Protein backbone atom coordinates (compact mmCIF):
# COMPACT_ATOMS: atom_id res chain seq x y z
CA MET A 1 -49.67 -122.69 -85.04
CA SER A 2 -51.00 -119.90 -82.56
CA ALA A 3 -51.32 -116.03 -82.23
CA ALA A 4 -49.04 -114.11 -79.71
CA TYR A 5 -50.02 -110.28 -79.40
CA ASP A 6 -48.77 -109.50 -76.23
CA THR A 7 -47.34 -105.93 -76.97
CA SER A 8 -47.50 -105.10 -80.52
CA THR A 9 -51.66 -105.99 -80.64
CA ALA A 10 -52.14 -104.55 -76.85
CA GLU A 11 -50.73 -101.18 -78.68
CA THR A 12 -53.57 -101.26 -81.23
CA ILE A 13 -56.31 -101.51 -78.65
CA ALA A 14 -57.47 -98.04 -77.67
CA ALA A 15 -57.36 -96.80 -74.07
CA PRO A 16 -60.41 -97.91 -72.44
CA ALA A 17 -63.37 -95.49 -71.30
CA ILE A 18 -64.69 -95.71 -67.59
CA GLY A 19 -67.52 -98.51 -68.17
CA GLY A 20 -69.60 -98.63 -70.97
CA ASP A 21 -73.50 -97.97 -72.16
CA VAL A 22 -76.26 -100.73 -72.51
CA GLY A 23 -75.56 -100.92 -75.95
CA ASP A 24 -71.80 -101.98 -75.21
CA TYR A 25 -72.78 -104.85 -73.00
CA PHE A 26 -75.10 -105.76 -75.30
CA GLN A 27 -72.83 -106.02 -78.10
CA LEU A 28 -70.56 -108.22 -75.76
CA LEU A 29 -73.28 -111.11 -75.86
CA LYS A 30 -73.08 -111.62 -79.45
CA PRO A 31 -76.73 -110.78 -80.09
CA ARG A 32 -76.75 -112.26 -83.71
CA VAL A 33 -75.11 -115.68 -82.55
CA MET A 34 -77.44 -115.55 -79.39
CA SER A 35 -80.30 -115.26 -81.49
CA LEU A 36 -79.75 -118.54 -83.39
CA VAL A 37 -78.92 -120.37 -80.21
CA ILE A 38 -82.32 -119.17 -78.87
CA PHE A 39 -84.13 -120.35 -81.79
CA THR A 40 -82.48 -123.66 -82.29
CA ALA A 41 -82.96 -124.19 -78.52
CA LEU A 42 -86.73 -123.49 -78.91
CA VAL A 43 -87.03 -126.20 -81.93
CA GLY A 44 -85.23 -128.40 -79.81
CA MET A 45 -87.65 -128.01 -77.08
CA VAL A 46 -90.58 -128.17 -79.53
CA VAL A 47 -89.59 -131.31 -81.04
CA ALA A 48 -88.68 -133.01 -77.81
CA PRO A 49 -91.20 -135.31 -75.81
CA GLY A 50 -92.62 -134.39 -72.97
CA HIS A 51 -94.41 -131.36 -71.78
CA ILE A 52 -93.65 -128.31 -69.06
CA HIS A 53 -95.60 -125.17 -68.27
CA PRO A 54 -95.13 -122.28 -70.73
CA VAL A 55 -93.71 -120.11 -67.93
CA ILE A 56 -91.11 -122.80 -67.22
CA ALA A 57 -90.54 -123.20 -70.85
CA ALA A 58 -89.88 -119.44 -71.48
CA ALA A 59 -87.59 -119.21 -68.56
CA SER A 60 -85.57 -121.93 -69.28
CA LEU A 61 -85.22 -120.37 -72.97
CA LEU A 62 -84.11 -117.25 -71.07
CA ALA A 63 -81.45 -118.99 -69.20
CA ILE A 64 -79.99 -120.63 -72.41
CA ALA A 65 -80.03 -117.36 -73.90
CA VAL A 66 -78.23 -115.58 -71.42
CA GLY A 67 -75.82 -118.45 -71.29
CA ALA A 68 -75.03 -117.86 -74.87
CA GLY A 69 -74.33 -114.35 -74.23
CA ALA A 70 -72.10 -115.34 -71.45
CA SER A 71 -70.11 -117.50 -73.85
CA GLY A 72 -70.02 -114.43 -76.26
CA ALA A 73 -68.78 -111.91 -73.55
CA LEU A 74 -65.92 -114.46 -72.54
CA ASN A 75 -64.71 -115.29 -75.89
CA MET A 76 -64.71 -111.33 -76.70
CA TRP A 77 -62.52 -110.83 -73.52
CA TYR A 78 -59.73 -113.48 -74.49
CA ASP A 79 -60.11 -112.34 -78.39
CA ALA A 80 -59.58 -108.83 -77.72
CA ASP A 81 -56.20 -109.18 -79.24
CA ILE A 82 -57.18 -110.92 -82.28
CA ASP A 83 -60.03 -108.71 -82.70
CA ALA A 84 -58.33 -105.38 -82.47
CA VAL A 85 -56.22 -106.27 -85.57
CA MET A 86 -59.23 -107.54 -88.07
CA SER A 87 -61.36 -105.10 -89.98
CA ARG A 88 -64.63 -106.76 -89.11
CA THR A 89 -64.07 -107.00 -85.31
CA ALA A 90 -62.04 -104.01 -84.54
CA LYS A 91 -64.94 -101.96 -83.39
CA ARG A 92 -66.13 -104.07 -80.84
CA PRO A 93 -66.36 -102.75 -77.36
CA ILE A 94 -62.81 -103.96 -76.22
CA PRO A 95 -60.70 -103.26 -78.90
CA ALA A 96 -62.43 -100.06 -79.45
CA GLY A 97 -61.85 -98.90 -75.90
CA ARG A 98 -65.49 -98.32 -74.56
CA ILE A 99 -65.05 -101.53 -72.22
CA THR A 100 -62.06 -102.68 -70.54
CA PRO A 101 -61.37 -106.34 -70.45
CA GLN A 102 -61.72 -107.06 -66.68
CA GLU A 103 -65.35 -105.49 -66.69
CA ALA A 104 -66.11 -108.04 -70.04
CA PHE A 105 -64.62 -111.11 -68.11
CA ALA A 106 -66.65 -110.13 -64.84
CA PHE A 107 -69.69 -109.55 -66.99
CA GLY A 108 -69.56 -112.99 -68.56
CA MET A 109 -68.60 -114.93 -65.75
CA ALA A 110 -71.62 -113.60 -63.73
CA LEU A 111 -73.71 -114.24 -66.51
CA SER A 112 -72.36 -117.82 -66.66
CA VAL A 113 -73.14 -118.61 -63.19
CA GLY A 114 -76.36 -117.08 -63.13
CA SER A 115 -77.72 -118.80 -66.20
CA VAL A 116 -76.39 -122.31 -65.21
CA LEU A 117 -78.14 -122.05 -61.53
CA MET A 118 -81.42 -120.51 -63.24
CA LEU A 119 -81.70 -123.07 -65.75
CA GLY A 120 -81.19 -125.78 -62.96
CA VAL A 121 -83.77 -124.42 -60.55
CA VAL A 122 -86.66 -123.54 -63.19
CA ALA A 123 -85.91 -126.82 -65.40
CA ASN A 124 -83.50 -129.63 -64.43
CA TRP A 125 -79.75 -130.08 -63.39
CA LEU A 126 -79.07 -132.13 -66.68
CA ALA A 127 -80.22 -129.26 -68.68
CA ALA A 128 -78.20 -126.84 -66.47
CA GLY A 129 -75.12 -129.20 -66.63
CA LEU A 130 -75.27 -129.27 -70.66
CA LEU A 131 -75.53 -125.20 -70.85
CA ALA A 132 -72.59 -125.17 -68.03
CA PHE A 133 -70.39 -127.64 -70.54
CA THR A 134 -71.16 -125.53 -73.49
CA ILE A 135 -70.20 -122.23 -71.86
CA PHE A 136 -66.84 -124.07 -70.97
CA PHE A 137 -66.53 -125.59 -74.14
CA TYR A 138 -66.76 -122.22 -76.00
CA ALA A 139 -65.00 -120.01 -73.85
CA VAL A 140 -62.17 -122.47 -72.74
CA VAL A 141 -61.86 -125.20 -75.49
CA TYR A 142 -62.78 -123.05 -78.48
CA SER A 143 -61.40 -119.49 -77.60
CA LEU A 144 -58.47 -120.30 -75.41
CA TRP A 145 -57.21 -123.24 -77.25
CA LEU A 146 -58.75 -124.68 -80.48
CA LYS A 147 -59.03 -121.17 -82.36
CA ARG A 148 -55.13 -120.02 -81.84
CA TRP A 149 -54.05 -123.92 -82.28
CA THR A 150 -55.42 -125.66 -85.17
CA ALA A 151 -57.48 -125.21 -88.33
CA GLN A 152 -59.81 -127.93 -87.38
CA ASN A 153 -60.80 -125.05 -84.88
CA ILE A 154 -64.31 -124.62 -86.56
CA VAL A 155 -65.28 -128.14 -86.89
CA ILE A 156 -64.57 -129.24 -83.41
CA GLY A 157 -65.35 -126.16 -81.60
CA GLY A 158 -68.96 -126.17 -83.89
CA ALA A 159 -70.16 -128.64 -81.27
CA ALA A 160 -70.41 -125.56 -78.80
CA GLY A 161 -73.25 -123.87 -81.21
CA ALA A 162 -74.53 -127.18 -81.92
CA PHE A 163 -75.53 -128.06 -78.20
CA PRO A 164 -78.70 -125.67 -77.93
CA PRO A 165 -81.19 -128.02 -79.18
CA VAL A 166 -79.73 -130.94 -76.87
CA ILE A 167 -80.39 -128.67 -73.99
CA GLY A 168 -83.88 -128.00 -74.96
CA GLU A 169 -84.74 -131.19 -75.30
CA ALA A 170 -82.84 -131.98 -71.63
CA VAL A 171 -85.18 -129.16 -70.75
CA MET A 172 -88.56 -130.79 -71.70
CA SER A 173 -87.60 -134.19 -71.18
CA GLY A 174 -85.18 -134.32 -68.30
CA GLN A 175 -82.83 -136.66 -70.53
CA ILE A 176 -80.81 -136.84 -74.00
CA GLY A 177 -82.40 -138.34 -76.71
CA TRP A 178 -82.27 -138.85 -80.67
CA ALA A 179 -84.08 -135.88 -81.54
CA GLY A 180 -81.62 -133.47 -79.83
CA PHE A 181 -78.86 -135.63 -81.28
CA VAL A 182 -80.25 -135.51 -85.14
CA LEU A 183 -80.39 -131.53 -84.81
CA PHE A 184 -77.03 -131.37 -83.30
CA THR A 185 -75.40 -133.13 -86.26
CA ILE A 186 -77.28 -131.09 -88.43
CA ILE A 187 -75.63 -127.96 -86.95
CA PHE A 188 -72.34 -129.60 -86.37
CA LEU A 189 -72.03 -130.17 -89.93
CA TRP A 190 -73.22 -126.88 -91.19
CA THR A 191 -70.76 -125.00 -89.27
CA PRO A 192 -67.61 -125.75 -91.79
CA PRO A 193 -68.85 -124.66 -94.82
CA HIS A 194 -70.63 -121.78 -93.46
CA PHE A 195 -67.76 -120.49 -91.48
CA TRP A 196 -64.99 -121.62 -94.14
CA ALA A 197 -67.00 -119.89 -96.81
CA LEU A 198 -66.64 -116.46 -95.08
CA ALA A 199 -62.96 -117.55 -94.11
CA MET A 200 -61.77 -117.46 -97.59
CA ALA A 201 -63.06 -114.10 -98.07
CA LYS A 202 -61.45 -113.06 -94.86
CA ALA A 203 -58.30 -114.89 -95.35
CA LYS A 204 -56.07 -111.97 -95.04
CA ASP A 205 -57.62 -110.62 -91.76
CA TYR A 206 -57.05 -114.13 -90.30
CA GLU A 207 -53.49 -114.22 -91.52
CA ARG A 208 -52.75 -110.88 -89.93
CA ALA A 209 -54.23 -112.11 -86.63
CA GLY A 210 -52.75 -115.06 -86.67
CA VAL A 211 -55.55 -117.50 -86.53
CA PRO A 212 -54.98 -120.83 -88.17
CA MET A 213 -58.40 -120.69 -90.33
CA MET A 214 -58.37 -123.46 -93.16
CA PRO A 215 -57.74 -121.25 -96.18
CA ASN A 216 -54.59 -119.89 -94.65
CA VAL A 217 -53.43 -123.14 -93.56
CA ALA A 218 -54.19 -125.85 -96.10
CA GLY A 219 -54.82 -123.46 -98.93
CA ASP A 220 -57.86 -122.07 -100.94
CA ALA A 221 -58.02 -125.03 -103.42
CA SER A 222 -58.11 -127.63 -100.21
CA THR A 223 -60.74 -125.73 -98.52
CA ARG A 224 -62.91 -125.70 -101.67
CA ARG A 225 -63.06 -129.25 -101.51
CA GLN A 226 -63.63 -129.62 -97.74
CA ILE A 227 -66.61 -127.34 -98.06
CA MET A 228 -67.77 -129.60 -100.87
CA GLY A 229 -67.47 -132.51 -98.75
CA TYR A 230 -69.06 -131.22 -95.84
CA THR A 231 -72.02 -129.79 -97.88
CA ILE A 232 -72.47 -133.27 -99.16
CA ALA A 233 -72.68 -134.85 -95.69
CA LEU A 234 -74.98 -131.82 -94.63
CA VAL A 235 -77.47 -132.22 -97.09
CA LEU A 236 -77.69 -136.03 -96.78
CA PHE A 237 -77.81 -136.08 -93.36
CA ALA A 238 -80.44 -133.04 -93.07
CA PHE A 239 -82.92 -135.58 -94.55
CA VAL A 240 -82.75 -138.04 -91.41
CA PRO A 241 -85.72 -136.05 -89.58
CA ALA A 242 -87.99 -136.95 -92.19
CA GLY A 243 -86.92 -140.74 -92.60
CA MET A 244 -87.22 -141.26 -88.58
CA GLY A 245 -90.86 -139.30 -88.26
CA MET A 246 -89.59 -136.24 -86.56
CA GLY A 247 -90.04 -134.16 -89.57
CA GLY A 248 -92.91 -134.40 -92.32
CA VAL A 249 -93.67 -133.83 -95.92
CA ALA A 250 -93.16 -130.14 -95.60
CA TYR A 251 -89.59 -130.57 -93.90
CA ALA A 252 -88.57 -133.17 -96.66
CA VAL A 253 -89.56 -130.85 -99.35
CA VAL A 254 -87.73 -127.64 -98.02
CA SER A 255 -84.74 -130.16 -97.02
CA ALA A 256 -84.64 -131.25 -100.71
CA LEU A 257 -84.89 -127.94 -102.24
CA GLY A 258 -82.61 -125.95 -99.56
CA GLY A 259 -79.96 -128.90 -100.25
CA LEU A 260 -79.94 -128.41 -104.04
CA GLY A 261 -79.34 -124.93 -103.39
CA MET A 262 -76.35 -125.56 -100.95
CA LEU A 263 -74.93 -128.08 -103.09
CA GLY A 264 -75.14 -125.78 -106.35
CA ILE A 265 -73.44 -122.86 -104.59
CA ALA A 266 -70.59 -125.63 -103.05
CA TRP A 267 -70.01 -126.61 -106.71
CA ARG A 268 -69.53 -123.04 -107.70
CA ILE A 269 -67.01 -122.65 -105.17
CA LEU A 270 -65.38 -125.70 -105.88
CA LYS A 271 -65.20 -125.06 -109.89
CA ALA A 272 -64.64 -121.46 -109.45
CA PRO A 273 -62.07 -120.29 -112.17
CA ASP A 274 -60.06 -117.99 -109.70
CA ILE A 275 -59.65 -116.52 -106.41
CA GLU A 276 -62.26 -113.78 -107.03
CA ALA A 277 -64.99 -116.01 -108.31
CA SER A 278 -64.52 -118.33 -105.42
CA HIS A 279 -64.30 -115.88 -102.50
CA LYS A 280 -67.74 -114.33 -104.48
CA ALA A 281 -69.24 -117.93 -104.32
CA GLY A 282 -68.30 -118.20 -100.75
CA MET A 283 -69.97 -115.19 -99.40
CA GLN A 284 -73.04 -116.30 -101.18
CA MET A 285 -72.79 -119.67 -99.44
CA PHE A 286 -72.11 -117.86 -96.25
CA GLY A 287 -75.46 -116.23 -96.44
CA PHE A 288 -77.37 -118.99 -98.00
CA SER A 289 -76.30 -121.26 -95.53
CA ILE A 290 -78.24 -119.10 -92.92
CA LEU A 291 -81.32 -119.16 -94.46
CA TYR A 292 -80.89 -123.08 -95.35
CA LEU A 293 -80.36 -123.69 -91.52
CA PHE A 294 -83.28 -121.50 -90.59
CA ALA A 295 -85.75 -123.07 -93.10
CA LEU A 296 -84.90 -126.12 -91.72
CA PHE A 297 -85.69 -125.48 -88.20
CA SER A 298 -88.53 -123.26 -89.12
CA VAL A 299 -90.38 -126.12 -90.88
CA LEU A 300 -90.03 -128.31 -87.87
CA LEU A 301 -91.15 -125.58 -85.29
CA ALA A 302 -94.15 -125.39 -87.49
CA GLU A 303 -94.65 -129.23 -88.03
CA HIS A 304 -94.89 -129.63 -84.32
CA SER A 305 -96.05 -126.37 -82.80
CA LEU A 306 -98.91 -125.85 -85.15
CA GLY A 307 -99.99 -129.48 -85.90
CA LEU A 308 -99.04 -129.27 -89.55
CA MET A 309 -97.23 -132.71 -89.63
CA TRP A 310 -97.87 -134.72 -92.83
CA SER A 311 -95.76 -137.52 -91.95
CA LEU A 312 -93.76 -139.47 -94.39
CA PRO A 313 -93.54 -143.55 -94.10
CA THR A 314 -90.65 -143.85 -91.55
CA LEU A 315 -87.42 -145.47 -92.59
CA TRP A 316 -86.61 -146.62 -89.14
């Protein structure tokens, strides 16, 4: 299933103004997504083995942030037709006519090349290669292909959002290790219940845009079951850092309490008596899942950077 809005959708995009202001270009970077990338990459750097100069670490984090912003700009360039017909995205710079698609594409490509080169020079080329792959995966594999082709777009495409901790570890150690893989998997499992919960409430928007999100393709009931399944997998896997000694007692407690909260909301979604109730619970899941992920990574950051690690006996 795909969306094709060559003429009809193009007519909904306002005539572009000449250029845009700084705020418009900043919005192209998807700052909310970029802030999550910065945070998870920082945690990946802190929990990784090895040590680099703080200035190099800061410059590397900046390069990762710019690369994330580049992905966002390229995504908005390609998705301008979809954004124009969805209520939550219609005011973005391109569909609103404040920036032309050509300007957004040039901006995204310049940031992509610059961020990869910067990371390669200040850190290492493994980290730069991972950043380049992440930009390519999000801008091409997800945006150009998966998003308009399969209801599994969020599942497979979620890998792009899960790579920042791996890049952070590569910056610090020059290699890919277990720490980055574990953090990658947590974000990867977190993505479907987080976005499908929102997609249930915004199903009409996605249907109008022709995007095959899970609620539109498999139905509300199937989406509820899949949210429950992914939530169970996420909550169980989130204990892995404590079991391998990467997280301490504080992490285990936060993981347990947050996991119970996630399971409780997923259960309410699954057993909701009607569509309205399931959508209400879905929005609760969308908000709480952000808090849950932030709490997990914040505790890891505190335990490693502030010396607050009280370790549990490792299981492996």
